Amino acid sequence: MDPRIERAREIVEREAAAVRQVADRIGTDFLRTLDRILGLRGRVVTAGMGKAGFIAQKVSATLASTGTPSIFLHPAEAIHGDLGRVDQGDLLLAFSKSGETQELLVMLPHVKAVGVPLVAVTQTVDSTLGRHSDLVLELGRIDECGPYGLAPSASTTAMLALGDALALVVQEGRKFGPDEFARFHPGGDLGRRLMKVAELMRTGERNPQVQSGSTVLQAVEVMTRTPGRPGATSVVDPNGRLLGFFTDGDLRRLIEHGLANPRERRIDEAMTPSPRSIRPDTFALEALALLHQFAVDQLPVVDDDGRLLGLLDVQDLLNLKIA
């Protein structure tokens, strides 16, 4: 085996060991930190220098995207005017392997003077940062992996894992679920997949429907003049409750079997009665799975009482690149 592969595997194993070590150290201060964050009136302000600063930025982004207001504060900028970003009601989450990062230490008295609690993510509670913090999430002694053990590697991996654990357990404490996640991530693929049928369904004149008792010809006329021509129509009773569904495929089958006069044939005799339908609060990804499962291109959307609300067409999912 190429020795470089062996070396790469060794590095990954050492970083994995650092993460396992941090997992074993999670305890009382972690729980207290959770409680503090869940009870905050303000934001979680993360801070760190160098590579630890990049980890602090990522943890701040994860917190913000999972329901906890958060910003990153660069320690060097903080001591040159940006300390005003930290205020009562906030919590400072400071990342430093050694706990001796000077820029962070210079911040401490000013942050504590306004009553902001400080949580340190550092190697030991005996460091300067650890001693001056309200709570300490200890990493334990971690040796870096690269040549001479100089470049931050295992320590930043461990910090990131601990920060993720903190953010995601806080998310669970907030009961921050798919609905909220979709609201915080509207622009990406995940946001699209977490959209609701109510946001995608066709309504108004784009939602074809005919009354029970209409003729097949009337149903075809409605299907033809509906914008977008979905090739289907719902059949409803006088109260708007869904009774049936009629599609182009149903029309073709009627013709194949010798359709009688379409001006006289009632839609109730030609429709699919008690058709499959979908609720407006169904997620788009779940709706796509149902369309595939039922091997159909459209589903009527109904409320809890069975009243017709709209029409979901697979094309609408394709246009959003959900399919």
C-alpha atoms as a PDB file:
ATOM      1  CA  MET A   1       0.000   0.000   0.000  1.00  0.00           C
ATOM      2  CA  ASP A   2       1.189   3.496  -0.795  1.00  0.00           C
ATOM      3  CA  PRO A   3       2.538   4.965   2.483  1.00  0.00           C
ATOM      4  CA  ARG A   4       0.636   8.192   1.802  1.00  0.00           C
ATOM      5  CA  ILE A   5      -2.635   6.291   2.059  1.00  0.00           C
ATOM      6  CA  GLU A   6      -1.527   4.831   5.368  1.00  0.00           C
ATOM      7  CA  ARG A   7      -0.592   8.322   6.589  1.00  0.00           C
ATOM      8  CA  ALA A   8      -3.941   9.789   5.490  1.00  0.00           C
ATOM      9  CA  ARG A   9      -5.814   7.017   7.273  1.00  0.00           C
ATOM     10  CA  GLU A  10      -3.759   7.594  10.396  1.00  0.00           C
ATOM     11  CA  ILE A  11      -4.698  11.290  10.378  1.00  0.00           C
ATOM     12  CA  VAL A  12      -8.397  10.525   9.955  1.00  0.00           C
ATOM     13  CA  GLU A  13      -8.229   7.991  12.801  1.00  0.00           C
ATOM     14  CA  ARG A  14      -6.534  10.508  15.087  1.00  0.00           C
ATOM     15  CA  GLU A  15      -9.166  13.116  14.338  1.00  0.00           C
ATOM     16  CA  ALA A  16     -11.895  10.541  14.972  1.00  0.00           C
ATOM     17  CA  ALA A  17     -10.237   9.725  18.302  1.00  0.00           C
ATOM     18  CA  ALA A  18     -10.291  13.426  19.229  1.00  0.00           C
ATOM     19  CA  VAL A  19     -14.028  13.556  18.516  1.00  0.00           C
ATOM     20  CA  ARG A  20     -14.619  10.420  20.620  1.00  0.00           C
ATOM     21  CA  GLN A  21     -12.659  12.011  23.453  1.00  0.00           C
ATOM     22  CA  VAL A  22     -14.847  15.118  23.332  1.00  0.00           C
ATOM     23  CA  ALA A  23     -17.984  12.976  23.304  1.00  0.00           C
ATOM     24  CA  ASP A  24     -16.855  11.300  26.521  1.00  0.00           C
ATOM     25  CA  ARG A  25     -16.343  14.706  28.179  1.00  0.00           C
ATOM     26  CA  ILE A  26     -19.837  16.076  27.527  1.00  0.00           C
ATOM     27  CA  GLY A  27     -21.454  16.600  30.902  1.00  0.00           C
ATOM     28  CA  THR A  28     -22.958  19.099  33.331  1.00  0.00           C
ATOM     29  CA  ASP A  29     -21.562  22.282  31.776  1.00  0.00           C
ATOM     30  CA  PHE A  30     -22.951  21.192  28.416  1.00  0.00           C
ATOM     31  CA  LEU A  31     -26.428  20.872  29.950  1.00  0.00           C
ATOM     32  CA  ARG A  32     -26.093  24.256  31.654  1.00  0.00           C
ATOM     33  CA  THR A  33     -25.028  25.808  28.375  1.00  0.00           C
ATOM     34  CA  LEU A  34     -28.085  24.345  26.657  1.00  0.00           C
ATOM     35  CA  ASP A  35     -30.350  25.833  29.315  1.00  0.00           C
ATOM     36  CA  ARG A  36     -28.690  29.224  29.027  1.00  0.00           C
ATOM     37  CA  ILE A  37     -29.058  29.316  25.255  1.00  0.00           C
ATOM     38  CA  LEU A  38     -32.685  28.177  25.360  1.00  0.00           C
ATOM     39  CA  GLY A  39     -33.425  30.917  27.879  1.00  0.00           C
ATOM     40  CA  LEU A  40     -31.663  33.734  26.021  1.00  0.00           C
ATOM     41  CA  ARG A  41     -33.424  36.982  25.195  1.00  0.00           C
ATOM     42  CA  GLY A  42     -30.639  37.905  22.792  1.00  0.00           C
ATOM     43  CA  ARG A  43     -28.181  36.061  20.567  1.00  0.00           C
ATOM     44  CA  VAL A  44     -25.366  33.580  20.810  1.00  0.00           C
ATOM     45  CA  VAL A  45     -22.254  35.535  19.835  1.00  0.00           C
ATOM     46  CA  THR A  46     -19.434  33.223  18.752  1.00  0.00           C
ATOM     47  CA  ALA A  47     -15.789  34.288  18.671  1.00  0.00           C
ATOM     48  CA  GLY A  48     -12.411  32.790  17.834  1.00  0.00           C
ATOM     49  CA  MET A  49      -9.149  33.606  16.094  1.00  0.00           C
ATOM     50  CA  GLY A  50      -7.550  31.838  13.148  1.00  0.00           C
ATOM     51  CA  LYS A  51      -8.803  28.321  12.427  1.00  0.00           C
ATOM     52  CA  ALA A  52     -10.851  28.360  15.638  1.00  0.00           C
ATOM     53  CA  GLY A  53     -12.508  31.487  14.269  1.00  0.00           C
ATOM     54  CA  PHE A  54     -13.634  29.593  11.175  1.00  0.00           C
ATOM     55  CA  ILE A  55     -15.163  26.944  13.419  1.00  0.00           C
ATOM     56  CA  ALA A  56     -16.891  29.675  15.435  1.00  0.00           C
ATOM     57  CA  GLN A  57     -18.362  31.094  12.232  1.00  0.00           C
ATOM     58  CA  LYS A  58     -19.672  27.704  11.168  1.00  0.00           C
ATOM     59  CA  VAL A  59     -21.240  27.006  14.563  1.00  0.00           C
ATOM     60  CA  SER A  60     -22.875  30.439  14.501  1.00  0.00           C
ATOM     61  CA  ALA A  61     -24.303  29.686  11.057  1.00  0.00           C
ATOM     62  CA  THR A  62     -25.647  26.324  12.252  1.00  0.00           C
ATOM     63  CA  LEU A  63     -27.281  27.926  15.276  1.00  0.00           C
ATOM     64  CA  ALA A  64     -28.874  30.644  13.154  1.00  0.00           C
ATOM     65  CA  SER A  65     -30.205  28.159  10.592  1.00  0.00           C
ATOM     66  CA  THR A  66     -31.785  25.981  13.272  1.00  0.00           C
ATOM     67  CA  GLY A  67     -33.704  28.625  15.168  1.00  0.00           C
ATOM     68  CA  THR A  68     -31.173  30.305  17.489  1.00  0.00           C
ATOM     69  CA  PRO A  69     -30.253  33.928  16.641  1.00  0.00           C
ATOM     70  CA  SER A  70     -26.474  34.101  16.361  1.00  0.00           C
ATOM     71  CA  ILE A  71     -23.645  36.229  14.964  1.00  0.00           C
ATOM     72  CA  PHE A  72     -19.876  35.793  14.718  1.00  0.00           C
ATOM     73  CA  LEU A  73     -17.667  38.453  16.278  1.00  0.00           C
ATOM     74  CA  HIS A  74     -14.024  38.636  15.230  1.00  0.00           C
ATOM     75  CA  PRO A  75     -11.992  39.265  18.404  1.00  0.00           C
ATOM     76  CA  ALA A  76      -9.519  41.587  16.676  1.00  0.00           C
ATOM     77  CA  GLU A  77     -12.372  43.692  15.314  1.00  0.00           C
ATOM     78  CA  ALA A  78     -14.162  43.550  18.664  1.00  0.00           C
ATOM     79  CA  ILE A  79     -11.379  45.366  20.492  1.00  0.00           C
ATOM     80  CA  HIS A  80     -11.323  48.037  17.784  1.00  0.00           C
ATOM     81  CA  GLY A  81     -14.924  49.113  18.010  1.00  0.00           C
ATOM     82  CA  ASP A  82     -17.155  46.088  17.433  1.00  0.00           C
ATOM     83  CA  LEU A  83     -17.748  45.240  21.099  1.00  0.00           C
ATOM     84  CA  GLY A  84     -20.996  47.159  20.750  1.00  0.00           C
ATOM     85  CA  ARG A  85     -22.336  44.084  18.934  1.00  0.00           C
ATOM     86  CA  VAL A  86     -22.478  42.275  22.294  1.00  0.00           C
ATOM     87  CA  ASP A  87     -25.185  43.388  24.679  1.00  0.00           C
ATOM     88  CA  GLN A  88     -27.159  42.293  27.717  1.00  0.00           C
ATOM     89  CA  GLY A  89     -29.258  39.262  26.925  1.00  0.00           C
ATOM     90  CA  ASP A  90     -26.553  37.759  24.696  1.00  0.00           C
ATOM     91  CA  LEU A  91     -24.186  34.872  25.421  1.00  0.00           C
ATOM     92  CA  LEU A  92     -20.572  34.718  24.227  1.00  0.00           C
ATOM     93  CA  LEU A  93     -19.351  31.324  22.997  1.00  0.00           C
ATOM     94  CA  ALA A  94     -15.564  31.575  22.687  1.00  0.00           C
ATOM     95  CA  PHE A  95     -13.403  29.027  20.848  1.00  0.00           C
ATOM     96  CA  SER A  96      -9.708  28.649  21.666  1.00  0.00           C
ATOM     97  CA  LYS A  97      -7.741  25.420  21.896  1.00  0.00           C
ATOM     98  CA  SER A  98      -5.130  26.832  24.257  1.00  0.00           C
ATOM     99  CA  GLY A  99      -7.425  29.174  26.120  1.00  0.00           C
ATOM    100  CA  GLU A 100      -4.646  31.780  25.913  1.00  0.00           C
ATOM    101  CA  THR A 101      -5.609  33.619  22.716  1.00  0.00           C
ATOM    102  CA  GLN A 102      -4.748  37.217  23.510  1.00  0.00           C
ATOM    103  CA  GLU A 103      -7.418  38.880  21.379  1.00  0.00           C
ATOM    104  CA  LEU A 104     -10.103  36.843  23.159  1.00  0.00           C
ATOM    105  CA  LEU A 105      -8.659  37.571  26.599  1.00  0.00           C
ATOM    106  CA  VAL A 106      -8.630  41.314  25.940  1.00  0.00           C
ATOM    107  CA  MET A 107     -12.367  41.106  25.184  1.00  0.00           C
ATOM    108  CA  LEU A 108     -13.308  39.344  28.415  1.00  0.00           C
ATOM    109  CA  PRO A 109     -13.494  42.195  30.936  1.00  0.00           C
ATOM    110  CA  HIS A 110     -15.527  44.342  28.551  1.00  0.00           C
ATOM    111  CA  VAL A 111     -17.972  41.526  27.816  1.00  0.00           C
ATOM    112  CA  LYS A 112     -18.352  40.576  31.450  1.00  0.00           C
ATOM    113  CA  ALA A 113     -18.817  44.220  32.418  1.00  0.00           C
ATOM    114  CA  VAL A 114     -22.146  44.302  30.545  1.00  0.00           C
ATOM    115  CA  GLY A 115     -23.290  41.077  32.183  1.00  0.00           C
ATOM    116  CA  VAL A 116     -22.895  38.767  29.199  1.00  0.00           C
ATOM    117  CA  PRO A 117     -22.254  35.156  30.262  1.00  0.00           C
ATOM    118  CA  LEU A 118     -19.201  33.499  28.736  1.00  0.00           C
ATOM    119  CA  VAL A 119     -18.950  29.867  27.637  1.00  0.00           C
ATOM    120  CA  ALA A 120     -15.493  28.670  26.624  1.00  0.00           C
ATOM    121  CA  VAL A 121     -14.730  25.852  24.213  1.00  0.00           C
ATOM    122  CA  THR A 122     -11.148  25.102  25.144  1.00  0.00           C
ATOM    123  CA  GLN A 123      -8.694  22.378  26.051  1.00  0.00           C
ATOM    124  CA  THR A 124      -8.821  22.804  29.808  1.00  0.00           C
ATOM    125  CA  VAL A 125     -10.732  24.652  32.480  1.00  0.00           C
ATOM    126  CA  ASP A 126      -7.362  25.649  33.975  1.00  0.00           C
ATOM    127  CA  SER A 127      -6.501  27.919  31.039  1.00  0.00           C
ATOM    128  CA  THR A 128      -6.904  31.680  31.397  1.00  0.00           C
ATOM    129  CA  LEU A 129     -10.035  31.606  29.246  1.00  0.00           C
ATOM    130  CA  GLY A 130     -11.392  28.664  31.202  1.00  0.00           C
ATOM    131  CA  ARG A 131     -10.830  30.300  34.586  1.00  0.00           C
ATOM    132  CA  HIS A 132     -12.646  33.474  33.539  1.00  0.00           C
ATOM    133  CA  SER A 133     -15.621  31.733  31.909  1.00  0.00           C
ATOM    134  CA  ASP A 134     -18.972  30.979  33.463  1.00  0.00           C
ATOM    135  CA  LEU A 135     -19.066  27.553  31.822  1.00  0.00           C
ATOM    136  CA  VAL A 136     -16.403  25.484  30.070  1.00  0.00           C
ATOM    137  CA  LEU A 137     -16.888  22.850  27.384  1.00  0.00           C
ATOM    138  CA  GLU A 138     -13.581  21.042  27.764  1.00  0.00           C
ATOM    139  CA  LEU A 139     -11.928  19.416  24.770  1.00  0.00           C
ATOM    140  CA  GLY A 140      -9.193  17.719  26.795  1.00  0.00           C
ATOM    141  CA  ARG A 141      -5.603  17.511  25.595  1.00  0.00           C
ATOM    142  CA  ILE A 142      -5.529  17.103  21.821  1.00  0.00           C
ATOM    143  CA  ASP A 143      -2.385  16.584  19.746  1.00  0.00           C
ATOM    144  CA  GLU A 144      -2.556  17.912  16.210  1.00  0.00           C
ATOM    145  CA  CYS A 145      -2.015  15.508  13.329  1.00  0.00           C
ATOM    146  CA  GLY A 146       0.264  17.211  10.818  1.00  0.00           C
ATOM    147  CA  PRO A 147       4.044  17.416  10.729  1.00  0.00           C
ATOM    148  CA  TYR A 148       5.408  18.731  14.018  1.00  0.00           C
ATOM    149  CA  GLY A 149       1.835  18.986  15.353  1.00  0.00           C
ATOM    150  CA  LEU A 150       1.589  22.664  14.468  1.00  0.00           C
ATOM    151  CA  ALA A 151      -1.364  23.095  12.091  1.00  0.00           C
ATOM    152  CA  PRO A 152      -4.801  22.993  13.790  1.00  0.00           C
ATOM    153  CA  SER A 153      -6.443  19.763  12.662  1.00  0.00           C
ATOM    154  CA  ALA A 154      -7.705  17.351  15.308  1.00  0.00           C
ATOM    155  CA  SER A 155      -8.549  20.227  17.656  1.00  0.00           C
ATOM    156  CA  THR A 156     -10.699  22.091  15.119  1.00  0.00           C
ATOM    157  CA  THR A 157     -12.451  18.858  14.136  1.00  0.00           C
ATOM    158  CA  ALA A 158     -13.267  18.277  17.800  1.00  0.00           C
ATOM    159  CA  MET A 159     -14.479  21.873  18.216  1.00  0.00           C
ATOM    160  CA  LEU A 160     -16.733  21.535  15.211  1.00  0.00           C
ATOM    161  CA  ALA A 161     -18.245  18.274  16.440  1.00  0.00           C
ATOM    162  CA  LEU A 162     -18.904  19.783  19.860  1.00  0.00           C
ATOM    163  CA  GLY A 163     -20.391  22.941  18.325  1.00  0.00           C
ATOM    164  CA  ASP A 164     -22.661  20.874  16.097  1.00  0.00           C
ATOM    165  CA  ALA A 165     -23.773  18.815  19.080  1.00  0.00           C
ATOM    166  CA  LEU A 166     -24.623  21.995  20.976  1.00  0.00           C
ATOM    167  CA  ALA A 167     -26.535  23.585  18.089  1.00  0.00           C
ATOM    168  CA  LEU A 168     -28.505  20.482  17.180  1.00  0.00           C
ATOM    169  CA  VAL A 169     -29.509  19.586  20.734  1.00  0.00           C
ATOM    170  CA  VAL A 170     -30.633  23.212  21.154  1.00  0.00           C
ATOM    171  CA  GLN A 171     -32.655  22.761  17.948  1.00  0.00           C
ATOM    172  CA  GLU A 172     -34.405  19.770  19.499  1.00  0.00           C
ATOM    173  CA  GLY A 173     -35.076  21.806  22.626  1.00  0.00           C
ATOM    174  CA  ARG A 174     -36.783  24.449  20.506  1.00  0.00           C
ATOM    175  CA  LYS A 175     -38.824  21.766  18.703  1.00  0.00           C
ATOM    176  CA  PHE A 176     -37.486  23.296  15.500  1.00  0.00           C
ATOM    177  CA  GLY A 177     -38.854  20.934  12.839  1.00  0.00           C
ATOM    178  CA  PRO A 178     -39.229  20.701   9.060  1.00  0.00           C
ATOM    179  CA  ASP A 179     -41.755  23.559   8.891  1.00  0.00           C
ATOM    180  CA  GLU A 180     -39.351  25.995  10.527  1.00  0.00           C
ATOM    181  CA  PHE A 181     -36.383  24.593   8.620  1.00  0.00           C
ATOM    182  CA  ALA A 182     -38.139  25.275   5.325  1.00  0.00           C
ATOM    183  CA  ARG A 183     -38.810  28.864   6.402  1.00  0.00           C
ATOM    184  CA  PHE A 184     -35.115  29.385   7.211  1.00  0.00           C
ATOM    185  CA  HIS A 185     -33.923  27.696   3.985  1.00  0.00           C
ATOM    186  CA  PRO A 186     -36.227  28.961   1.232  1.00  0.00           C
ATOM    187  CA  GLY A 187     -33.642  29.262  -1.516  1.00  0.00           C
ATOM    188  CA  GLY A 188     -31.941  25.905  -1.798  1.00  0.00           C
ATOM    189  CA  ASP A 189     -32.848  22.398  -2.812  1.00  0.00           C
ATOM    190  CA  LEU A 190     -33.765  21.514   0.763  1.00  0.00           C
ATOM    191  CA  GLY A 191     -36.095  24.498   1.015  1.00  0.00           C
ATOM    192  CA  ARG A 192     -37.851  23.506  -2.174  1.00  0.00           C
ATOM    193  CA  ARG A 193     -38.315  19.935  -1.017  1.00  0.00           C
ATOM    194  CA  LEU A 194     -39.777  21.171   2.261  1.00  0.00           C
ATOM    195  CA  MET A 195     -42.321  23.403   0.559  1.00  0.00           C
ATOM    196  CA  LYS A 196     -45.940  22.503   1.203  1.00  0.00           C
ATOM    197  CA  VAL A 197     -48.518  21.423  -1.359  1.00  0.00           C
ATOM    198  CA  ALA A 198     -50.473  24.574  -0.441  1.00  0.00           C
ATOM    199  CA  GLU A 199     -47.622  26.637  -1.935  1.00  0.00           C
ATOM    200  CA  LEU A 200     -47.547  24.632  -5.173  1.00  0.00           C
ATOM    201  CA  MET A 201     -51.134  23.665  -5.943  1.00  0.00           C
ATOM    202  CA  ARG A 202     -53.159  25.236  -8.728  1.00  0.00           C
ATOM    203  CA  THR A 203     -56.095  27.287  -7.501  1.00  0.00           C
ATOM    204  CA  GLY A 204     -58.788  29.554  -8.913  1.00  0.00           C
ATOM    205  CA  GLU A 205     -59.211  29.320 -12.669  1.00  0.00           C
ATOM    206  CA  ARG A 206     -56.215  26.960 -12.838  1.00  0.00           C
ATOM    207  CA  ASN A 207     -58.074  24.411 -10.688  1.00  0.00           C
ATOM    208  CA  PRO A 208     -60.571  22.705 -13.069  1.00  0.00           C
ATOM    209  CA  GLN A 209     -63.796  21.416 -11.539  1.00  0.00           C
ATOM    210  CA  VAL A 210     -67.313  20.513 -12.619  1.00  0.00           C
ATOM    211  CA  GLN A 211     -70.466  19.882 -10.636  1.00  0.00           C
ATOM    212  CA  SER A 212     -71.898  16.417 -10.198  1.00  0.00           C
ATOM    213  CA  GLY A 213     -74.534  15.918 -12.904  1.00  0.00           C
ATOM    214  CA  SER A 214     -72.523  17.720 -15.583  1.00  0.00           C
ATOM    215  CA  THR A 215     -72.007  15.966 -18.903  1.00  0.00           C
ATOM    216  CA  VAL A 216     -68.779  14.479 -20.162  1.00  0.00           C
ATOM    217  CA  LEU A 217     -68.694  17.164 -22.844  1.00  0.00           C
ATOM    218  CA  GLN A 218     -68.907  19.909 -20.213  1.00  0.00           C
ATOM    219  CA  ALA A 219     -66.026  18.282 -18.314  1.00  0.00           C
ATOM    220  CA  VAL A 220     -63.913  18.146 -21.475  1.00  0.00           C
ATOM    221  CA  GLU A 221     -64.672  21.802 -22.183  1.00  0.00           C
ATOM    222  CA  VAL A 222     -63.544  22.770 -18.665  1.00  0.00           C
ATOM    223  CA  MET A 223     -60.348  20.733 -19.046  1.00  0.00           C
ATOM    224  CA  THR A 224     -59.658  22.373 -22.419  1.00  0.00           C
ATOM    225  CA  ARG A 225     -60.099  25.984 -21.317  1.00  0.00           C
ATOM    226  CA  THR A 226     -58.252  25.665 -17.995  1.00  0.00           C
ATOM    227  CA  PRO A 227     -54.943  27.609 -18.131  1.00  0.00           C
ATOM    228  CA  GLY A 228     -52.071  25.172 -18.396  1.00  0.00           C
ATOM    229  CA  ARG A 229     -54.417  22.420 -19.594  1.00  0.00           C
ATOM    230  CA  PRO A 230     -53.675  19.875 -16.852  1.00  0.00           C
ATOM    231  CA  GLY A 231     -55.727  17.209 -18.655  1.00  0.00           C
ATOM    232  CA  ALA A 232     -57.959  16.466 -15.680  1.00  0.00           C
ATOM    233  CA  THR A 233     -60.868  17.866 -13.716  1.00  0.00           C
ATOM    234  CA  SER A 234     -62.298  17.286 -10.268  1.00  0.00           C
ATOM    235  CA  VAL A 235     -65.985  16.536  -9.798  1.00  0.00           C
ATOM    236  CA  VAL A 236     -67.604  18.150  -6.763  1.00  0.00           C
ATOM    237  CA  ASP A 237     -70.989  18.247  -5.059  1.00  0.00           C
ATOM    238  CA  PRO A 238     -72.911  21.512  -4.496  1.00  0.00           C
ATOM    239  CA  ASN A 239     -70.929  22.094  -1.276  1.00  0.00           C
ATOM    240  CA  GLY A 240     -67.602  21.762  -3.052  1.00  0.00           C
ATOM    241  CA  ARG A 241     -66.735  18.336  -1.664  1.00  0.00           C
ATOM    242  CA  LEU A 242     -64.708  16.108  -3.926  1.00  0.00           C
ATOM    243  CA  LEU A 243     -66.729  13.246  -5.435  1.00  0.00           C
ATOM    244  CA  GLY A 244     -64.595  12.108  -8.345  1.00  0.00           C
ATOM    245  CA  PHE A 245     -61.784  12.790 -10.790  1.00  0.00           C
ATOM    246  CA  PHE A 246     -61.811  12.629 -14.588  1.00  0.00           C
ATOM    247  CA  THR A 247     -58.708  12.636 -16.800  1.00  0.00           C
ATOM    248  CA  ASP A 248     -57.663  12.537 -20.455  1.00  0.00           C
ATOM    249  CA  GLY A 249     -56.915   8.861 -19.901  1.00  0.00           C
ATOM    250  CA  ASP A 250     -60.490   8.236 -18.778  1.00  0.00           C
ATOM    251  CA  LEU A 251     -61.733   9.997 -21.920  1.00  0.00           C
ATOM    252  CA  ARG A 252     -59.556   7.853 -24.186  1.00  0.00           C
ATOM    253  CA  ARG A 253     -60.817   4.695 -22.532  1.00  0.00           C
ATOM    254  CA  LEU A 254     -64.413   5.818 -23.019  1.00  0.00           C
ATOM    255  CA  ILE A 255     -63.763   6.417 -26.722  1.00  0.00           C
ATOM    256  CA  GLU A 256     -62.096   3.002 -27.069  1.00  0.00           C
ATOM    257  CA  HIS A 257     -65.210   1.385 -25.590  1.00  0.00           C
ATOM    258  CA  GLY A 258     -67.609   3.285 -27.865  1.00  0.00           C
ATOM    259  CA  LEU A 259     -68.555   6.405 -25.943  1.00  0.00           C
ATOM    260  CA  ALA A 260     -72.240   7.253 -26.175  1.00  0.00           C
ATOM    261  CA  ASN A 261     -73.285  10.846 -26.879  1.00  0.00           C
ATOM    262  CA  PRO A 262     -70.926  12.966 -24.679  1.00  0.00           C
ATOM    263  CA  ARG A 263     -73.643  15.636 -24.509  1.00  0.00           C
ATOM    264  CA  GLU A 264     -75.846  13.186 -22.636  1.00  0.00           C
ATOM    265  CA  ARG A 265     -73.392  10.946 -20.758  1.00  0.00           C
ATOM    266  CA  ARG A 266     -73.109  12.130 -17.143  1.00  0.00           C
ATOM    267  CA  ILE A 267     -69.662  12.709 -15.710  1.00  0.00           C
ATOM    268  CA  ASP A 268     -70.696  10.718 -12.607  1.00  0.00           C
ATOM    269  CA  GLU A 269     -70.791   7.593 -14.787  1.00  0.00           C
ATOM    270  CA  ALA A 270     -67.356   8.232 -16.326  1.00  0.00           C
ATOM    271  CA  MET A 271     -65.298   9.645 -13.443  1.00  0.00           C
ATOM    272  CA  THR A 272     -63.171   7.760 -10.940  1.00  0.00           C
ATOM    273  CA  PRO A 273     -65.302   7.940  -7.765  1.00  0.00           C
ATOM    274  CA  SER A 274     -63.739   8.617  -4.348  1.00  0.00           C
ATOM    275  CA  PRO A 275     -60.362   9.375  -5.950  1.00  0.00           C
ATOM    276  CA  ARG A 276     -57.038   9.618  -4.162  1.00  0.00           C
ATOM    277  CA  SER A 277     -56.375  13.111  -2.903  1.00  0.00           C
ATOM    278  CA  ILE A 278     -53.773  15.004  -0.914  1.00  0.00           C
ATOM    279  CA  ARG A 279     -53.807  17.554   1.931  1.00  0.00           C
ATOM    280  CA  PRO A 280     -52.407  21.084   1.551  1.00  0.00           C
ATOM    281  CA  ASP A 281     -49.938  20.671   4.440  1.00  0.00           C
ATOM    282  CA  THR A 282     -48.197  17.705   2.795  1.00  0.00           C
ATOM    283  CA  PHE A 283     -44.507  18.327   2.030  1.00  0.00           C
ATOM    284  CA  ALA A 284     -43.557  18.610  -1.645  1.00  0.00           C
ATOM    285  CA  LEU A 285     -41.128  15.704  -1.421  1.00  0.00           C
ATOM    286  CA  GLU A 286     -43.807  13.516   0.166  1.00  0.00           C
ATOM    287  CA  ALA A 287     -46.273  14.591  -2.545  1.00  0.00           C
ATOM    288  CA  LEU A 288     -43.810  13.577  -5.240  1.00  0.00           C
ATOM    289  CA  ALA A 289     -43.465  10.139  -3.667  1.00  0.00           C
ATOM    290  CA  LEU A 290     -47.265   9.742  -3.659  1.00  0.00           C
ATOM    291  CA  LEU A 291     -47.528  10.692  -7.324  1.00  0.00           C
ATOM    292  CA  HIS A 292     -44.918   8.053  -8.146  1.00  0.00           C
ATOM    293  CA  GLN A 293     -46.570   5.491  -5.869  1.00  0.00           C
ATOM    294  CA  PHE A 294     -50.009   5.973  -7.440  1.00  0.00           C
ATOM    295  CA  ALA A 295     -48.531   6.320 -10.972  1.00  0.00           C
ATOM    296  CA  VAL A 296     -50.529   9.507 -11.613  1.00  0.00           C
ATOM    297  CA  ASP A 297     -49.648  13.019 -12.811  1.00  0.00           C
ATOM    298  CA  GLN A 298     -52.242  14.939 -10.779  1.00  0.00           C
ATOM    299  CA  LEU A 299     -53.884  14.791  -7.386  1.00  0.00           C
ATOM    300  CA  PRO A 300     -56.801  16.923  -6.161  1.00  0.00           C
ATOM    301  CA  VAL A 301     -56.054  18.821  -2.938  1.00  0.00           C
ATOM    302  CA  VAL A 302     -58.755  18.766  -0.265  1.00  0.00           C
ATOM    303  CA  ASP A 303     -59.253  20.080   3.264  1.00  0.00           C
ATOM    304  CA  ASP A 304     -60.170  18.045   6.340  1.00  0.00           C
ATOM    305  CA  ASP A 305     -63.833  18.041   5.297  1.00  0.00           C
ATOM    306  CA  GLY A 306     -63.080  16.809   1.775  1.00  0.00           C
ATOM    307  CA  ARG A 307     -63.742  20.150   0.106  1.00  0.00           C
ATOM    308  CA  LEU A 308     -61.711  20.808  -3.023  1.00  0.00           C
ATOM    309  CA  LEU A 309     -58.935  23.384  -2.573  1.00  0.00           C
ATOM    310  CA  GLY A 310     -56.722  22.929  -5.595  1.00  0.00           C
ATOM    311  CA  LEU A 311     -54.898  20.633  -7.977  1.00  0.00           C
ATOM    312  CA  LEU A 312     -51.322  19.381  -7.653  1.00  0.00           C
ATOM    313  CA  ASP A 313     -49.675  18.610 -10.991  1.00  0.00           C
ATOM    314  CA  VAL A 314     -46.354  16.766 -11.276  1.00  0.00           C
ATOM    315  CA  GLN A 315     -45.213  19.464 -13.704  1.00  0.00           C
ATOM    316  CA  ASP A 316     -45.253  21.974 -10.877  1.00  0.00           C
ATOM    317  CA  LEU A 317     -42.769  19.810  -8.986  1.00  0.00           C
ATOM    318  CA  LEU A 318     -40.628  19.365 -12.088  1.00  0.00           C
ATOM    319  CA  ASN A 319     -40.509  23.128 -12.641  1.00  0.00           C
ATOM    320  CA  LEU A 320     -39.084  23.575  -9.150  1.00  0.00           C
ATOM    321  CA  LYS A 321     -36.573  20.760  -9.765  1.00  0.00           C
ATOM    322  CA  ILE A 322     -38.046  18.819  -6.851  1.00  0.00           C
ATOM    323  CA  ALA A 323     -38.568  15.726  -9.003  1.00  0.00           C
END
